[in-house]
């Protein structure tokens, strides 16, 4: 499913968007959680700064 999402981001006007994935550790269980989002290239830094 991710391949289709990334492939559609490479064409047309959507070339200004990118898919970002942030990995965080769950404090309660100790497991890893992944947050995926499609954001404008200008907002990638903001996505990773946000806790």
N, C-alpha and C. Protein backbone atom coordinates (compact mmCIF):
# COMPACT_ATOMS: atom_id res chain seq x y z
N UNK A 1 0.83 -1.18 0.00
CA UNK A 1 0.00 0.00 0.00
C UNK A 1 0.88 1.25 0.00
N UNK A 2 1.99 1.23 0.68
CA UNK A 2 2.86 2.40 0.71
C UNK A 2 3.42 2.70 -0.67
N UNK A 3 3.70 1.67 -1.45
CA UNK A 3 4.26 1.89 -2.77
C UNK A 3 3.31 2.69 -3.65
N UNK A 4 2.02 2.38 -3.56
CA UNK A 4 1.04 3.11 -4.36
C UNK A 4 0.97 4.56 -3.92
N UNK A 5 1.02 4.80 -2.63
CA UNK A 5 0.99 6.15 -2.10
C UNK A 5 2.19 6.95 -2.57
N UNK A 6 3.36 6.38 -2.50
CA UNK A 6 4.58 7.07 -2.91
C UNK A 6 4.58 7.29 -4.42
N UNK A 7 4.09 6.33 -5.19
CA UNK A 7 4.07 6.46 -6.64
C UNK A 7 3.16 7.61 -7.08
N UNK A 8 2.04 7.80 -6.41
CA UNK A 8 1.14 8.88 -6.79
C UNK A 8 1.69 10.24 -6.39
N UNK A 9 2.61 10.29 -5.44
CA UNK A 9 3.18 11.56 -5.01
C UNK A 9 4.22 12.09 -6.00
N UNK A 10 4.67 11.27 -6.93
CA UNK A 10 5.74 11.67 -7.84
C UNK A 10 5.23 12.32 -9.12
N UNK A 11 3.93 12.44 -9.30
CA UNK A 11 3.40 12.96 -10.55
C UNK A 11 2.59 14.23 -10.32
N UNK A 12 2.59 15.11 -11.30
CA UNK A 12 1.72 16.29 -11.29
C UNK A 12 1.97 17.25 -10.16
N UNK A 13 0.90 17.86 -9.70
CA UNK A 13 0.97 18.85 -8.62
C UNK A 13 1.31 18.23 -7.28
N UNK A 14 1.10 16.97 -7.13
CA UNK A 14 1.37 16.33 -5.85
C UNK A 14 2.86 16.08 -5.63
N UNK A 15 3.70 16.52 -6.57
CA UNK A 15 5.15 16.39 -6.38
C UNK A 15 5.65 17.28 -5.26
N UNK A 16 4.84 18.22 -4.81
CA UNK A 16 5.25 19.09 -3.71
C UNK A 16 4.94 18.48 -2.34
N UNK A 17 4.40 17.27 -2.32
CA UNK A 17 4.09 16.58 -1.07
C UNK A 17 5.03 15.40 -0.88
N UNK A 18 5.21 15.00 0.38
CA UNK A 18 6.04 13.85 0.68
C UNK A 18 5.43 13.07 1.83
N UNK A 19 5.73 11.80 1.88
CA UNK A 19 5.24 10.94 2.95
C UNK A 19 6.31 10.86 4.03
N UNK A 20 5.94 11.16 5.27
CA UNK A 20 6.89 11.13 6.38
C UNK A 20 6.43 10.10 7.41
N UNK A 21 7.40 9.45 8.02
CA UNK A 21 7.12 8.44 9.04
C UNK A 21 7.98 8.77 10.26
N UNK A 22 7.33 8.90 11.42
CA UNK A 22 8.04 9.19 12.66
C UNK A 22 7.88 8.01 13.60
N UNK A 23 9.00 7.53 14.15
CA UNK A 23 8.98 6.40 15.07
C UNK A 23 9.17 6.93 16.48
N UNK A 24 8.27 6.51 17.39
CA UNK A 24 8.37 6.92 18.78
C UNK A 24 8.23 5.70 19.67
N UNK A 25 8.78 5.79 20.86
CA UNK A 25 8.70 4.68 21.81
C UNK A 25 7.55 4.94 22.77
N UNK A 26 6.71 3.94 22.96
CA UNK A 26 5.58 4.03 23.87
C UNK A 26 6.10 3.94 25.30
N UNK A 27 5.81 4.94 26.13
CA UNK A 27 6.32 4.96 27.51
C UNK A 27 5.69 3.87 28.36
N UNK A 28 4.45 3.54 28.09
CA UNK A 28 3.73 2.58 28.92
C UNK A 28 4.18 1.14 28.64
N UNK A 29 4.20 0.75 27.38
CA UNK A 29 4.51 -0.64 27.03
C UNK A 29 5.94 -0.84 26.56
N UNK A 30 6.63 0.23 26.20
CA UNK A 30 7.99 0.10 25.71
C UNK A 30 8.08 -0.27 24.24
N UNK A 31 6.96 -0.45 23.58
CA UNK A 31 6.95 -0.81 22.17
C UNK A 31 7.11 0.41 21.27
N UNK A 32 7.33 0.16 20.01
CA UNK A 32 7.51 1.24 19.04
C UNK A 32 6.20 1.56 18.34
N UNK A 33 5.96 2.85 18.12
CA UNK A 33 4.78 3.30 17.40
C UNK A 33 5.24 4.11 16.20
N UNK A 34 4.51 4.01 15.11
CA UNK A 34 4.84 4.73 13.89
C UNK A 34 3.69 5.66 13.53
N UNK A 35 4.02 6.91 13.26
CA UNK A 35 3.04 7.89 12.81
C UNK A 35 3.38 8.25 11.38
N UNK A 36 2.47 7.96 10.45
CA UNK A 36 2.67 8.24 9.03
C UNK A 36 1.73 9.36 8.61
N UNK A 37 2.26 10.25 7.78
CA UNK A 37 1.44 11.36 7.32
C UNK A 37 1.99 11.86 5.98
N UNK A 38 1.13 12.38 5.15
CA UNK A 38 1.54 12.99 3.89
C UNK A 38 1.43 14.51 4.08
N UNK A 39 2.58 15.18 3.98
CA UNK A 39 2.63 16.62 4.24
C UNK A 39 3.32 17.34 3.08
N UNK A 40 3.11 18.63 3.02
CA UNK A 40 3.79 19.48 2.05
C UNK A 40 5.28 19.50 2.40
N UNK A 41 6.14 19.56 1.39
CA UNK A 41 7.59 19.53 1.62
C UNK A 41 8.05 20.64 2.55
N UNK A 42 7.36 21.75 2.55
CA UNK A 42 7.73 22.87 3.40
C UNK A 42 7.44 22.60 4.87
N UNK A 43 6.57 21.63 5.19
CA UNK A 43 6.16 21.38 6.57
C UNK A 43 6.78 20.11 7.16
N UNK A 44 7.75 19.53 6.49
CA UNK A 44 8.38 18.30 6.99
C UNK A 44 9.08 18.55 8.31
N UNK A 45 9.83 19.64 8.41
CA UNK A 45 10.56 19.96 9.64
C UNK A 45 9.58 20.14 10.81
N UNK A 46 8.45 20.79 10.56
CA UNK A 46 7.46 21.00 11.61
C UNK A 46 6.88 19.69 12.11
N UNK A 47 6.70 18.73 11.21
CA UNK A 47 6.15 17.43 11.58
C UNK A 47 7.07 16.73 12.58
N UNK A 48 8.37 16.79 12.36
CA UNK A 48 9.31 16.10 13.23
C UNK A 48 9.58 16.87 14.52
N UNK A 49 9.41 18.19 14.53
CA UNK A 49 9.60 18.97 15.74
C UNK A 49 8.45 18.78 16.72
N UNK A 50 7.27 18.51 16.16
CA UNK A 50 6.07 18.33 16.99
C UNK A 50 6.21 17.05 17.82
N UNK A 51 5.93 17.14 19.12
CA UNK A 51 6.06 15.96 20.01
C UNK A 51 4.82 15.11 19.95
